[in-house]
Amino acid sequence: MELRRLPHPLPMSLDRTGREIGALLLSAEALTAEQLELALADQLASGRRLGEIVVERGWATEQSIARALADQAGLTFLDLADVEIDPAAVALLPEKFARRYGALPVLFVGEDTVLVAVADPTDVVTGDDLRLALGVDVVPAVVARGDLEEALGRVYRMQMEIVEADAPVDMDDLLIADVRDGATSDAPAIRLVNQVISQAIELGASDIHFEPQERVLVVRARVDGVTRRIADMPKHVQAAVTARLKIMGGLDIAERRAPQDGRITISYGSQPMDLRIAVLPTTYGEGVVLRILHRAGGRIGLDSLGMSPEASETFMRAINQPYGAVLVVGPTGSGKTTTLYAALDLLNDEGRVLTTIEDPVEWQIPGVNQVEVMVRAGLTFARGLRTLLRSDPDVVLVGEVRDEETARIAIQAAMTGHLMLTSLHTHNAAASIARLKELGVEPSLLATAINCIVAQRLARRLCENCRQPYEPPAEERESLGLAPDVVLYQAGSCTRCGGTGYRGRVALYEVMPIRGRIRRLVEASTEEIFAAAVEEGMTTLRSDGVRLCATGASSLDEIRRVTGDRLS
């Protein structure tokens, strides 16, 4: 990276009328003359900065404004997505000062010089204060304001403040501080737990694992289906952190030899969330796993699932039947509930009564009667299902078929005028029939009650900022049925995706309607059912994954990982 260094101090304040920056945007063809005049008139009337006005009106991007500012000030424009931020540089400036100055130390460019990202290079006072605060020479570089704010949130969340002590922290003192009125926000154990949970939520994690090791408490978060290590806590805080988590979940802190599970309700910002907590004794102490459940609201459209047109048509035909069962199957965390909610959203109208029984209710849907399982109160899936079937529903969603009684009631309800939506843990669509038979459901009932079985997985989506074109061997391309002009991509690495090459997830679907030949094969083996479904045109998880690779959404390596199949 070529940096343009300037003498002290930072550049003098630029013309606040905006004409100079406007001229630069004009010369870069980022604005038209008419747009510039309108923006200048708005600036004169409102007193706002020209850059804010043109971005708000959609005439220019924050990046183009930042480039123009950099050119005007004779500084380097910096894209933070292309830079690996040095934690040692970040540590020079506390978060409150970084936000006050609108500046982020990025990396060292010499022994006593640090590159600092700023959104406004015209602020002379900030430049002088930065040098005093950092205690080193400063080379400023201009970044887009939105990118700077995102980076500030990300890098300071990654910094975990751990109380180091010459002697181990006394657990009793921490627990007293935890429950004492007025001291909750200052207790070290609370700060640690809150920081980890906040960091995991911001990363988009679905689970947080607190794993005791011999000399350290390792904290890992599952992001996009893959765990990553986010913190190592000193061993001496392990007992206090575990106790804090158990207190939050209403568990017995004195019991350390038996597994425990509970639930925590939190509010992150203005968003309510549920955390399932599971505590399991291990060799080096109690391990704790938190599952993060977002209490989202609103609508999940079927078109947002990403099904192929053929799969979507088959699925819609199944859920539009007046009765019968639609099963969505796959491992934990494969997006089954989202698919079921999308079906509910499509069916949700005043002409139908929709009722669900879930553990827990993960998505609040207006117009749907939602019941939450409470095992301690005696409300199980089977008991709740039996009761709600007497309350005149048209559509019933059972969160998961876990036992023989629930399976039997659900399948019988599908035959007596109800549309039954539910999920099951199996490897693929064909294997679901064998699983239901294991649960004691008669094959004859399966043949007549089930409309459709949908198997799904979630694959990581390639980061569009750093994905790289990839040319597979000719024989592999041929075996996958990919045309020569189809461009495949593989994972790269950038700061926006945390160096993983992936950002977000995309679903793979295998939709198997139960009709014709499949109905006659319900007593056959899983292999026979699968082969017959493929012959009748079913797109397998493997094939749907290849489709996603052809669109650039994911990579062959990722599809191999989630399907467990060889693609060549």
Protein backbone atom coordinates (compact mmCIF):
# COMPACT_ATOMS: atom_id res chain seq x y z
CA MET A 1 0.00 0.00 0.00
CA GLU A 2 1.42 3.35 -1.04
CA LEU A 3 0.82 6.01 1.59
CA ARG A 4 1.07 9.73 1.11
CA ARG A 5 2.64 11.28 4.19
CA LEU A 6 1.98 14.87 5.16
CA PRO A 7 3.82 17.14 7.56
CA HIS A 8 2.27 18.00 10.90
CA PRO A 9 -0.46 18.92 11.52
CA LEU A 10 -3.26 17.23 9.59
CA PRO A 11 -4.63 19.20 6.61
CA MET A 12 -6.31 22.49 7.37
CA SER A 13 -10.09 22.58 7.30
CA LEU A 14 -11.46 22.53 3.77
CA ASP A 15 -13.98 24.94 2.28
CA ARG A 16 -17.14 24.17 4.22
CA THR A 17 -19.36 25.53 1.41
CA GLY A 18 -18.70 22.22 -0.31
CA ARG A 19 -17.75 23.75 -3.67
CA GLU A 20 -14.28 22.21 -3.68
CA ILE A 21 -15.54 18.73 -2.85
CA GLY A 22 -18.34 19.26 -5.33
CA ALA A 23 -15.85 20.15 -8.04
CA LEU A 24 -13.92 16.97 -7.33
CA LEU A 25 -17.11 14.90 -7.56
CA LEU A 26 -17.94 16.62 -10.82
CA SER A 27 -14.54 15.90 -12.29
CA ALA A 28 -14.82 12.27 -11.21
CA GLU A 29 -18.27 12.16 -12.86
CA ALA A 30 -19.78 11.12 -9.54
CA LEU A 31 -22.22 14.08 -9.73
CA THR A 32 -23.86 16.05 -12.50
CA ALA A 33 -23.78 19.83 -12.56
CA GLU A 34 -27.51 19.96 -11.89
CA GLN A 35 -27.21 17.61 -8.89
CA LEU A 36 -24.35 19.70 -7.50
CA GLU A 37 -26.36 22.93 -7.68
CA LEU A 38 -29.33 21.31 -5.97
CA ALA A 39 -27.07 19.87 -3.25
CA LEU A 40 -25.36 23.22 -2.67
CA ALA A 41 -28.76 24.89 -2.34
CA ASP A 42 -29.79 22.25 0.21
CA GLN A 43 -26.50 22.77 2.08
CA LEU A 44 -27.06 26.52 2.23
CA ALA A 45 -30.55 26.02 3.64
CA SER A 46 -29.83 23.19 6.06
CA GLY A 47 -26.21 23.76 7.07
CA ARG A 48 -25.41 20.11 6.53
CA ARG A 49 -22.30 18.83 4.77
CA LEU A 50 -22.41 18.35 1.05
CA GLY A 51 -21.33 14.71 1.34
CA GLU A 52 -24.25 13.84 3.62
CA ILE A 53 -26.72 15.43 1.21
CA VAL A 54 -25.57 13.69 -1.97
CA VAL A 55 -25.35 10.29 -0.24
CA GLU A 56 -28.84 10.72 1.24
CA ARG A 57 -30.25 11.55 -2.21
CA GLY A 58 -28.50 8.56 -3.75
CA TRP A 59 -26.39 10.65 -6.13
CA ALA A 60 -23.05 9.41 -4.80
CA THR A 61 -21.75 6.69 -2.49
CA GLU A 62 -19.85 7.12 0.76
CA GLN A 63 -16.85 5.56 -0.99
CA SER A 64 -16.86 8.15 -3.79
CA ILE A 65 -17.14 10.96 -1.23
CA ALA A 66 -14.22 9.50 0.73
CA ARG A 67 -12.10 9.22 -2.42
CA ALA A 68 -12.84 12.84 -3.28
CA LEU A 69 -11.94 13.95 0.26
CA ALA A 70 -8.71 11.98 0.07
CA ASP A 71 -7.78 13.58 -3.26
CA GLN A 72 -8.65 17.04 -1.97
CA ALA A 73 -6.53 16.57 1.16
CA GLY A 74 -3.68 14.81 -0.64
CA LEU A 75 -4.18 11.67 1.43
CA THR A 76 -4.58 7.96 0.69
CA PHE A 77 -8.04 6.46 0.34
CA LEU A 78 -8.28 3.22 2.32
CA ASP A 79 -10.71 0.34 1.85
CA LEU A 80 -10.87 -1.33 5.26
CA ALA A 81 -12.07 -4.57 3.66
CA ASP A 82 -8.61 -4.95 2.11
CA VAL A 83 -6.62 -4.31 5.29
CA GLU A 84 -5.82 -6.65 8.17
CA ILE A 85 -6.30 -4.46 11.25
CA ASP A 86 -3.53 -4.88 13.81
CA PRO A 87 -4.91 -5.40 17.35
CA ALA A 88 -1.74 -3.85 18.75
CA ALA A 89 -2.47 -0.64 16.88
CA VAL A 90 -6.11 -0.67 17.98
CA ALA A 91 -5.01 -1.10 21.59
CA LEU A 92 -3.32 2.34 21.48
CA LEU A 93 -6.70 4.08 21.47
CA PRO A 94 -9.57 3.27 23.87
CA GLU A 95 -12.95 2.80 22.24
CA LYS A 96 -14.56 5.91 23.70
CA PHE A 97 -11.81 8.11 22.19
CA ALA A 98 -11.95 6.27 18.87
CA ARG A 99 -15.65 7.01 18.61
CA ARG A 100 -15.22 10.59 19.83
CA TYR A 101 -12.56 11.32 17.22
CA GLY A 102 -14.08 9.19 14.46
CA ALA A 103 -10.72 7.48 14.00
CA LEU A 104 -9.32 3.97 14.07
CA PRO A 105 -5.62 3.00 14.38
CA VAL A 106 -5.17 0.39 11.66
CA LEU A 107 -1.56 -0.75 11.58
CA PHE A 108 2.02 0.33 12.23
CA VAL A 109 3.91 1.73 9.24
CA GLY A 110 7.09 2.29 11.23
CA GLU A 111 8.40 1.84 14.75
CA ASP A 112 6.77 5.04 15.97
CA THR A 113 4.19 5.66 13.28
CA VAL A 114 0.66 4.31 12.98
CA LEU A 115 -1.76 4.48 10.07
CA VAL A 116 -5.07 5.91 11.28
CA ALA A 117 -8.34 5.65 9.35
CA VAL A 118 -10.49 8.79 9.52
CA ALA A 119 -13.74 9.73 7.83
CA ASP A 120 -13.17 13.50 8.06
CA PRO A 121 -9.60 14.57 7.28
CA THR A 122 -10.58 18.24 7.64
CA ASP A 123 -10.79 18.23 11.42
CA VAL A 124 -7.55 19.83 12.63
CA VAL A 125 -8.37 19.58 16.33
CA THR A 126 -8.97 15.83 16.07
CA GLY A 127 -5.61 15.38 14.36
CA ASP A 128 -3.76 17.12 17.16
CA ASP A 129 -5.68 15.26 19.86
CA LEU A 130 -5.00 11.92 18.16
CA ARG A 131 -1.25 12.45 18.30
CA LEU A 132 -1.44 13.24 22.00
CA ALA A 133 -3.73 10.27 22.72
CA LEU A 134 -1.69 7.77 20.73
CA GLY A 135 1.74 9.01 21.71
CA VAL A 136 3.13 8.16 18.26
CA ASP A 137 3.36 9.78 14.85
CA VAL A 138 0.19 9.55 12.77
CA VAL A 139 -0.33 8.92 9.06
CA PRO A 140 -3.99 9.57 8.28
CA ALA A 141 -5.92 7.77 5.55
CA VAL A 142 -9.49 8.50 4.48
CA VAL A 143 -12.21 5.84 4.69
CA ALA A 144 -15.95 5.80 4.03
CA ARG A 145 -17.88 6.81 7.14
CA GLY A 146 -20.09 3.71 7.14
CA ASP A 147 -17.08 1.42 6.77
CA LEU A 148 -15.37 3.17 9.68
CA GLU A 149 -18.39 2.79 11.96
CA GLU A 150 -18.70 -0.91 11.07
CA ALA A 151 -14.99 -1.46 11.75
CA LEU A 152 -15.13 0.37 15.07
CA GLY A 153 -17.94 -1.88 16.25
CA ARG A 154 -16.19 -5.00 15.04
CA VAL A 155 -12.66 -4.48 16.35
CA TYR A 156 -13.63 -3.20 19.78
CA ARG A 157 -16.10 -6.05 20.25
CA MET A 158 -13.25 -8.44 19.60
CA GLN A 159 -11.27 -6.99 22.49
CA MET A 160 -12.18 -8.85 25.65
CA GLU A 161 -11.19 -7.30 28.93
CA ILE A 162 -10.14 -10.06 31.33
CA VAL A 163 -9.29 -9.22 34.90
CA GLU A 164 -5.77 -10.46 35.49
CA ALA A 165 -4.69 -10.97 39.09
CA ASP A 166 -1.63 -12.20 40.91
CA ALA A 167 -3.87 -14.51 42.92
CA PRO A 168 -6.99 -16.29 41.65
CA VAL A 169 -10.18 -14.25 41.84
CA ASP A 170 -12.39 -15.48 44.66
CA MET A 171 -15.57 -16.99 43.23
CA ASP A 172 -17.68 -16.12 46.24
CA ASP A 173 -16.77 -12.45 45.88
CA LEU A 174 -17.80 -12.53 42.23
CA LEU A 175 -21.11 -14.21 43.00
CA ILE A 176 -21.90 -11.71 45.76
CA ALA A 177 -21.17 -8.90 43.32
CA ASP A 178 -23.38 -10.58 40.72
CA VAL A 179 -26.50 -10.53 42.85
CA ARG A 180 -25.90 -7.38 44.87
CA ASP A 181 -28.20 -4.55 43.83
CA GLY A 182 -26.47 -1.75 42.00
CA ALA A 183 -23.30 -3.71 41.29
CA THR A 184 -24.37 -6.02 38.49
CA SER A 185 -22.79 -4.10 35.65
CA ASP A 186 -19.42 -3.93 37.38
CA ALA A 187 -18.96 -7.57 38.43
CA PRO A 188 -16.05 -9.13 36.51
CA ALA A 189 -17.93 -12.36 35.77
CA ILE A 190 -20.91 -10.42 34.42
CA ARG A 191 -18.68 -8.27 32.22
CA LEU A 192 -16.98 -11.33 30.76
CA VAL A 193 -20.23 -13.17 30.05
CA ASN A 194 -21.91 -10.09 28.60
CA GLN A 195 -18.94 -9.39 26.33
CA VAL A 196 -18.87 -12.95 25.01
CA ILE A 197 -22.61 -13.03 24.35
CA SER A 198 -22.54 -9.61 22.67
CA GLN A 199 -19.59 -10.59 20.52
CA ALA A 200 -21.24 -13.85 19.46
CA ILE A 201 -24.52 -12.14 18.58
CA GLU A 202 -22.71 -9.55 16.47
CA LEU A 203 -20.85 -12.32 14.67
CA GLY A 204 -24.18 -13.94 13.85
CA ALA A 205 -23.45 -17.04 15.95
CA SER A 206 -26.07 -19.70 16.60
CA ASP A 207 -24.25 -21.28 19.57
CA ILE A 208 -21.60 -20.35 22.15
CA HIS A 209 -19.43 -23.08 23.68
CA PHE A 210 -17.61 -22.57 26.99
CA GLU A 211 -15.13 -25.48 27.00
CA PRO A 212 -12.97 -26.11 30.09
CA GLN A 213 -9.42 -27.22 29.30
CA GLU A 214 -6.55 -28.05 31.64
CA ARG A 215 -5.17 -24.50 31.85
CA VAL A 216 -7.75 -22.31 30.10
CA LEU A 217 -11.46 -21.86 29.45
CA VAL A 218 -11.87 -21.86 25.67
CA VAL A 219 -14.83 -19.98 24.19
CA ARG A 220 -15.97 -20.89 20.69
CA ALA A 221 -18.89 -19.59 18.62
CA ARG A 222 -20.66 -21.41 15.81
CA VAL A 223 -20.93 -18.97 12.92
CA ASP A 224 -22.51 -20.07 9.63
CA GLY A 225 -22.44 -23.64 10.88
CA VAL A 226 -18.70 -23.72 11.69
CA THR A 227 -17.16 -23.07 15.11
CA ARG A 228 -14.43 -20.50 15.58
CA ARG A 229 -12.39 -19.71 18.66
CA ILE A 230 -13.26 -16.24 19.96
CA ALA A 231 -11.63 -16.10 23.40
CA ASP A 232 -9.37 -17.85 25.89
CA MET A 233 -10.24 -17.05 29.49
CA PRO A 234 -7.83 -17.61 32.39
CA LYS A 235 -8.55 -20.81 34.30
CA HIS A 236 -9.15 -18.95 37.53
CA VAL A 237 -12.30 -17.24 36.19
CA GLN A 238 -13.86 -20.50 34.95
CA ALA A 239 -15.88 -21.23 38.10
CA ALA A 240 -17.21 -17.68 38.33
CA VAL A 241 -18.19 -17.54 34.65
CA THR A 242 -19.91 -20.93 34.86
CA ALA A 243 -21.74 -19.89 38.00
CA ARG A 244 -22.84 -16.65 36.34
CA LEU A 245 -24.28 -18.55 33.38
CA LYS A 246 -26.11 -20.96 35.69
CA ILE A 247 -27.57 -18.08 37.70
CA MET A 248 -28.83 -16.48 34.47
CA GLY A 249 -30.50 -19.75 33.50
CA GLY A 250 -32.06 -20.33 36.92
CA LEU A 251 -29.97 -23.47 37.49
CA ASP A 252 -28.51 -24.92 40.68
CA ILE A 253 -25.01 -23.47 41.14
CA ALA A 254 -24.25 -25.98 43.90
CA GLU A 255 -24.83 -28.97 41.61
CA ARG A 256 -21.64 -29.65 39.65
CA ARG A 257 -21.84 -33.37 38.91
CA ALA A 258 -25.13 -33.68 37.00
CA PRO A 259 -26.18 -32.21 33.62
CA GLN A 260 -28.57 -29.27 33.75
CA ASP A 261 -30.50 -27.29 31.17
CA GLY A 262 -32.53 -24.11 31.24
CA ARG A 263 -33.41 -20.96 29.40
CA ILE A 264 -32.29 -17.34 29.58
CA THR A 265 -34.23 -14.35 28.23
CA ILE A 266 -32.19 -11.29 27.34
CA SER A 267 -32.64 -8.05 25.45
CA TYR A 268 -29.85 -7.16 23.07
CA GLY A 269 -30.39 -3.56 22.14
CA SER A 270 -34.14 -3.47 21.55
CA GLN A 271 -34.28 -7.07 20.31
CA PRO A 272 -35.51 -9.77 22.71
CA MET A 273 -33.71 -13.11 22.53
CA ASP A 274 -33.88 -16.50 24.20
CA LEU A 275 -30.77 -18.46 25.09
CA ARG A 276 -31.01 -22.18 25.76
CA ILE A 277 -28.38 -23.24 28.26
CA ALA A 278 -26.99 -26.76 28.62
CA VAL A 279 -24.45 -27.58 31.35
CA LEU A 280 -22.47 -30.81 31.15
CA PRO A 281 -19.76 -31.99 33.59
CA THR A 282 -16.44 -32.69 31.84
CA THR A 283 -12.98 -33.80 32.90
CA TYR A 284 -11.81 -30.23 33.56
CA GLY A 285 -15.05 -28.78 34.95
CA GLU A 286 -18.51 -27.93 33.75
CA GLY A 287 -18.88 -27.15 30.05
CA VAL A 288 -21.67 -24.78 29.03
CA VAL A 289 -23.36 -24.35 25.67
CA LEU A 290 -25.68 -21.46 24.87
CA ARG A 291 -27.97 -21.67 21.84
CA ILE A 292 -29.02 -18.24 20.60
CA LEU A 293 -32.66 -18.00 19.54
CA HIS A 294 -33.72 -14.72 17.96
CA ARG A 295 -37.32 -13.80 18.68
CA ALA A 296 -37.87 -12.35 15.29
CA GLY A 297 -41.18 -11.09 14.01
CA GLY A 298 -42.80 -10.30 10.71
CA ARG A 299 -43.01 -12.39 7.57
CA ILE A 300 -40.79 -15.04 5.99
CA GLY A 301 -41.70 -15.25 2.34
CA LEU A 302 -41.42 -18.56 0.50
CA ASP A 303 -39.50 -16.78 -2.23
CA SER A 304 -36.79 -15.86 0.29
CA LEU A 305 -35.85 -19.51 0.89
CA GLY A 306 -33.90 -19.82 -2.35
CA MET A 307 -35.57 -22.99 -3.61
CA SER A 308 -35.23 -23.82 -7.28
CA PRO A 309 -38.43 -23.17 -9.29
CA GLU A 310 -39.09 -26.93 -9.59
CA ALA A 311 -38.64 -27.58 -5.85
CA SER A 312 -40.73 -24.54 -4.95
CA GLU A 313 -43.59 -25.68 -7.20
CA THR A 314 -43.62 -29.17 -5.63
CA PHE A 315 -43.48 -27.75 -2.11
CA MET A 316 -46.30 -25.27 -2.75
CA ARG A 317 -48.48 -28.00 -4.25
CA ALA A 318 -48.00 -30.08 -1.07
CA ILE A 319 -48.81 -27.31 1.43
CA ASN A 320 -51.84 -26.18 -0.54
CA GLN A 321 -53.54 -29.53 0.01
CA PRO A 322 -56.45 -29.35 2.50
CA TYR A 323 -55.00 -32.20 4.56
CA GLY A 324 -51.95 -34.45 4.79
CA ALA A 325 -48.47 -34.13 6.28
CA VAL A 326 -45.50 -32.13 5.04
CA LEU A 327 -42.21 -33.07 6.71
CA VAL A 328 -39.05 -30.95 6.71
CA VAL A 329 -36.02 -33.01 7.69
CA GLY A 330 -32.34 -32.48 8.38
CA PRO A 331 -29.86 -32.15 11.24
CA THR A 332 -30.05 -29.57 14.01
CA GLY A 333 -29.40 -26.08 12.69
CA SER A 334 -30.26 -26.83 9.06
CA GLY A 335 -33.03 -24.22 8.80
CA LYS A 336 -36.03 -26.53 9.09
CA THR A 337 -38.03 -24.12 11.26
CA THR A 338 -37.51 -21.27 8.80
CA THR A 339 -38.92 -23.39 5.97
CA LEU A 340 -41.93 -24.38 8.07
CA TYR A 341 -42.58 -20.76 9.02
CA ALA A 342 -42.45 -19.77 5.35
CA ALA A 343 -45.18 -22.35 4.69
CA LEU A 344 -47.26 -20.92 7.55
CA ASP A 345 -46.81 -17.44 6.15
CA LEU A 346 -48.20 -18.56 2.80
CA LEU A 347 -51.18 -20.30 4.41
CA ASN A 348 -51.95 -17.53 6.90
CA ASP A 349 -55.30 -15.98 6.00
CA GLU A 350 -58.62 -15.34 7.73
CA GLY A 351 -60.19 -18.42 6.19
CA ARG A 352 -57.97 -20.81 8.14
CA VAL A 353 -57.14 -21.45 11.78
CA LEU A 354 -53.39 -22.01 12.19
CA THR A 355 -51.97 -23.41 15.43
CA THR A 356 -48.42 -24.36 16.36
CA ILE A 357 -46.78 -26.21 19.23
CA GLU A 358 -43.06 -25.47 19.46
CA ASP A 359 -40.05 -25.73 21.73
CA PRO A 360 -39.55 -22.80 21.89
CA VAL A 361 -41.57 -20.35 19.79
CA GLU A 362 -38.84 -18.81 17.65
CA TRP A 363 -40.83 -16.46 15.42
CA GLN A 364 -43.90 -14.46 16.39
CA ILE A 365 -46.41 -14.65 13.53
CA PRO A 366 -49.52 -12.42 13.66
CA GLY A 367 -52.69 -14.41 13.10
CA VAL A 368 -51.20 -17.74 14.25
CA ASN A 369 -51.99 -19.37 17.62
CA GLN A 370 -48.60 -20.39 18.98
CA VAL A 371 -48.14 -22.73 21.96
CA GLU A 372 -44.80 -23.31 23.67
CA VAL A 373 -43.83 -26.66 25.16
CA MET A 374 -43.37 -26.57 28.96
CA VAL A 375 -42.22 -30.00 30.09
CA ARG A 376 -42.04 -29.02 33.77
CA ALA A 377 -45.71 -28.07 33.64
CA GLY A 378 -46.62 -31.27 31.83
CA LEU A 379 -47.12 -29.64 28.42
CA THR A 380 -45.23 -31.95 26.05
CA PHE A 381 -45.49 -32.17 22.28
CA ALA A 382 -47.78 -35.21 22.48
CA ARG A 383 -50.07 -33.84 25.19
CA GLY A 384 -50.24 -30.39 23.64
CA LEU A 385 -50.90 -31.80 20.17
CA ARG A 386 -53.71 -34.00 21.45
CA THR A 387 -55.34 -30.98 23.10
CA LEU A 388 -54.97 -28.50 20.26
CA LEU A 389 -56.46 -30.98 17.76
CA ARG A 390 -59.70 -30.60 19.73
CA SER A 391 -59.61 -26.80 19.22
CA ASP A 392 -60.72 -26.90 15.56
CA PRO A 393 -57.45 -26.04 13.70
CA ASP A 394 -57.08 -26.24 9.92
CA VAL A 395 -53.28 -26.18 9.87
CA VAL A 396 -51.09 -27.54 12.67
CA LEU A 397 -47.34 -27.07 13.00
CA VAL A 398 -45.51 -29.42 15.37
CA GLY A 399 -41.99 -28.13 15.97
CA GLU A 400 -40.44 -31.60 15.99
CA VAL A 401 -41.52 -35.25 16.04
CA ARG A 402 -39.40 -36.73 18.81
CA ASP A 403 -41.25 -39.79 20.03
CA GLU A 404 -43.68 -42.54 19.06
CA GLU A 405 -46.78 -40.90 20.56
CA THR A 406 -46.22 -37.55 18.81
CA ALA A 407 -45.52 -39.32 15.49
CA ARG A 408 -48.65 -41.41 15.71
CA ILE A 409 -50.92 -38.48 16.64
CA ALA A 410 -49.45 -36.25 13.92
CA ILE A 411 -49.85 -38.81 11.13
CA GLN A 412 -53.40 -39.69 12.24
CA ALA A 413 -54.30 -35.98 12.31
CA ALA A 414 -53.00 -35.64 8.76
CA MET A 415 -55.55 -38.27 7.71
CA THR A 416 -58.52 -36.68 9.46
CA GLY A 417 -58.76 -33.34 7.70
CA HIS A 418 -55.76 -31.40 9.05
CA LEU A 419 -52.73 -30.10 7.20
CA MET A 420 -49.81 -31.15 9.42
CA LEU A 421 -46.43 -29.40 9.15
CA THR A 422 -43.58 -30.83 11.18
CA SER A 423 -39.86 -31.59 11.27
CA LEU A 424 -37.80 -34.71 11.82
CA HIS A 425 -34.12 -35.46 12.28
CA THR A 426 -33.00 -37.65 9.37
CA HIS A 427 -30.21 -37.60 6.78
CA ASN A 428 -32.35 -37.23 3.66
CA ALA A 429 -35.94 -37.33 2.46
CA ALA A 430 -36.01 -41.06 1.73
CA ALA A 431 -34.63 -41.96 5.17
CA SER A 432 -37.56 -40.19 6.85
CA ILE A 433 -39.93 -43.02 5.97
CA ALA A 434 -37.70 -45.57 7.72
CA ARG A 435 -37.43 -43.26 10.74
CA LEU A 436 -41.22 -42.94 11.06
CA LYS A 437 -41.58 -46.72 10.81
CA GLU A 438 -39.02 -47.04 13.63
CA LEU A 439 -41.25 -44.73 15.67
CA GLY A 440 -44.12 -47.18 15.26
CA VAL A 441 -46.15 -45.56 12.46
CA GLU A 442 -47.83 -48.12 10.18
CA PRO A 443 -46.47 -48.07 6.58
CA SER A 444 -50.02 -47.99 5.25
CA LEU A 445 -50.63 -44.74 7.13
CA LEU A 446 -47.43 -43.20 5.75
CA ALA A 447 -48.44 -44.01 2.18
CA THR A 448 -51.74 -42.16 2.47
CA ALA A 449 -50.97 -39.40 5.00
CA ILE A 450 -47.74 -37.79 3.75
CA ASN A 451 -47.90 -35.24 0.93
CA CYS A 452 -44.23 -34.35 0.69
CA ILE A 453 -40.87 -34.65 2.45
CA VAL A 454 -38.31 -31.85 2.21
CA ALA A 455 -34.68 -32.46 3.21
CA GLN A 456 -32.41 -29.48 3.61
CA ARG A 457 -28.99 -28.26 4.66
CA LEU A 458 -27.42 -24.85 5.15
CA ALA A 459 -24.18 -24.15 3.29
CA ARG A 460 -21.98 -21.14 3.85
CA ARG A 461 -22.38 -18.40 1.25
CA LEU A 462 -19.21 -17.20 -0.45
CA CYS A 463 -18.12 -13.71 0.53
CA GLU A 464 -18.76 -11.60 -2.57
CA ASN A 465 -15.96 -9.24 -1.60
CA CYS A 466 -13.16 -11.81 -1.80
CA ARG A 467 -14.42 -14.88 -3.69
CA GLN A 468 -12.09 -15.96 -6.47
CA PRO A 469 -12.83 -17.60 -9.84
CA TYR A 470 -11.87 -21.26 -9.88
CA GLU A 471 -11.39 -23.63 -12.79
CA PRO A 472 -11.95 -27.28 -11.82
CA PRO A 473 -10.43 -30.14 -13.81
CA ALA A 474 -12.29 -30.83 -17.04
CA GLU A 475 -13.39 -34.28 -15.90
CA GLU A 476 -14.86 -32.84 -12.69
CA ARG A 477 -16.76 -30.16 -14.60
CA GLU A 478 -18.11 -32.83 -16.93
CA SER A 479 -19.14 -35.16 -14.09
CA LEU A 480 -21.05 -32.32 -12.45
CA GLY A 481 -22.84 -31.50 -15.69
CA LEU A 482 -21.55 -27.92 -15.76
CA ALA A 483 -21.38 -26.06 -19.06
CA PRO A 484 -17.94 -24.69 -20.08
CA ASP A 485 -19.11 -21.10 -19.68
CA VAL A 486 -20.25 -21.55 -16.04
CA VAL A 487 -17.85 -19.73 -13.70
CA LEU A 488 -17.14 -21.44 -10.38
CA TYR A 489 -15.73 -19.67 -7.34
CA GLN A 490 -13.72 -20.63 -4.28
CA ALA A 491 -13.23 -18.92 -0.95
CA GLY A 492 -10.81 -16.03 -0.57
CA SER A 493 -9.99 -14.07 2.55
CA CYS A 494 -10.79 -10.54 3.69
CA THR A 495 -11.69 -8.68 6.85
CA ARG A 496 -15.39 -8.46 5.97
CA CYS A 497 -15.76 -12.24 6.28
CA GLY A 498 -13.28 -12.59 9.14
CA GLY A 499 -10.76 -14.31 6.84
CA THR A 500 -13.04 -17.33 6.32
CA GLY A 501 -14.05 -16.59 2.73
CA TYR A 502 -17.72 -17.03 3.63
CA ARG A 503 -20.38 -14.65 4.85
CA GLY A 504 -23.95 -15.80 5.54
CA ARG A 505 -25.63 -19.04 4.52
CA VAL A 506 -27.74 -20.43 1.72
CA ALA A 507 -30.08 -23.45 1.76
CA LEU A 508 -29.91 -26.68 -0.26
CA TYR A 509 -33.21 -28.51 -0.80
CA GLU A 510 -34.29 -32.02 -1.72
CA VAL A 511 -38.08 -32.17 -2.25
CA MET A 512 -39.67 -35.62 -2.52
CA PRO A 513 -43.42 -35.75 -3.18
CA ILE A 514 -45.12 -38.94 -1.94
CA ARG A 515 -47.12 -40.12 -4.90
CA GLY A 516 -47.35 -42.89 -7.48
CA ARG A 517 -44.43 -45.25 -7.29
CA ILE A 518 -43.12 -43.77 -4.03
CA ARG A 519 -46.42 -44.53 -2.27
CA ARG A 520 -46.10 -48.16 -3.30
CA LEU A 521 -42.51 -48.34 -1.98
CA VAL A 522 -43.09 -47.20 1.62
CA GLU A 523 -42.24 -50.69 2.87
CA ALA A 524 -39.07 -50.85 0.74
CA SER A 525 -35.55 -49.92 1.86
CA THR A 526 -34.30 -46.35 2.01
CA GLU A 527 -31.99 -47.02 -0.95
CA GLU A 528 -34.86 -48.23 -3.12
CA ILE A 529 -37.04 -45.25 -2.22
CA PHE A 530 -34.20 -42.81 -2.92
CA ALA A 531 -33.41 -44.36 -6.30
CA ALA A 532 -37.08 -44.28 -7.32
CA ALA A 533 -37.41 -40.63 -6.31
CA VAL A 534 -34.36 -39.67 -8.38
CA GLU A 535 -35.74 -41.58 -11.37
CA GLU A 536 -38.98 -39.61 -11.03
CA GLY A 537 -37.07 -36.32 -11.20
CA MET A 538 -36.23 -35.43 -7.61
CA THR A 539 -33.31 -33.00 -7.29
CA THR A 540 -30.98 -34.31 -4.60
CA LEU A 541 -29.16 -32.22 -2.02
CA ARG A 542 -25.97 -32.85 -3.98
CA SER A 543 -27.48 -31.63 -7.25
CA ASP A 544 -29.02 -28.56 -5.63
CA GLY A 545 -25.63 -27.75 -4.13
CA VAL A 546 -24.05 -27.88 -7.57
CA ARG A 547 -26.77 -25.47 -8.77
CA LEU A 548 -25.75 -23.03 -6.03
CA CYS A 549 -22.10 -23.33 -7.06
CA ALA A 550 -23.05 -22.54 -10.66
CA THR A 551 -24.69 -19.30 -9.49
CA GLY A 552 -21.61 -18.30 -7.49
CA ALA A 553 -23.44 -18.54 -4.17
CA SER A 554 -21.22 -21.26 -2.68
CA SER A 555 -18.20 -23.43 -3.44
CA LEU A 556 -17.76 -27.09 -4.28
CA ASP A 557 -15.68 -27.57 -1.12
CA GLU A 558 -18.51 -26.20 1.02
CA ILE A 559 -21.16 -28.33 -0.66
CA ARG A 560 -18.99 -31.40 -0.09
CA ARG A 561 -18.69 -30.46 3.57
CA VAL A 562 -22.41 -30.11 4.24
CA THR A 563 -23.68 -33.00 2.13
CA GLY A 564 -20.96 -35.50 2.95
CA ASP A 565 -21.07 -36.64 -0.67
CA ARG A 566 -18.37 -36.78 -3.28
CA LEU A 567 -19.28 -34.38 -6.08
CA SER A 568 -17.12 -36.07 -8.66
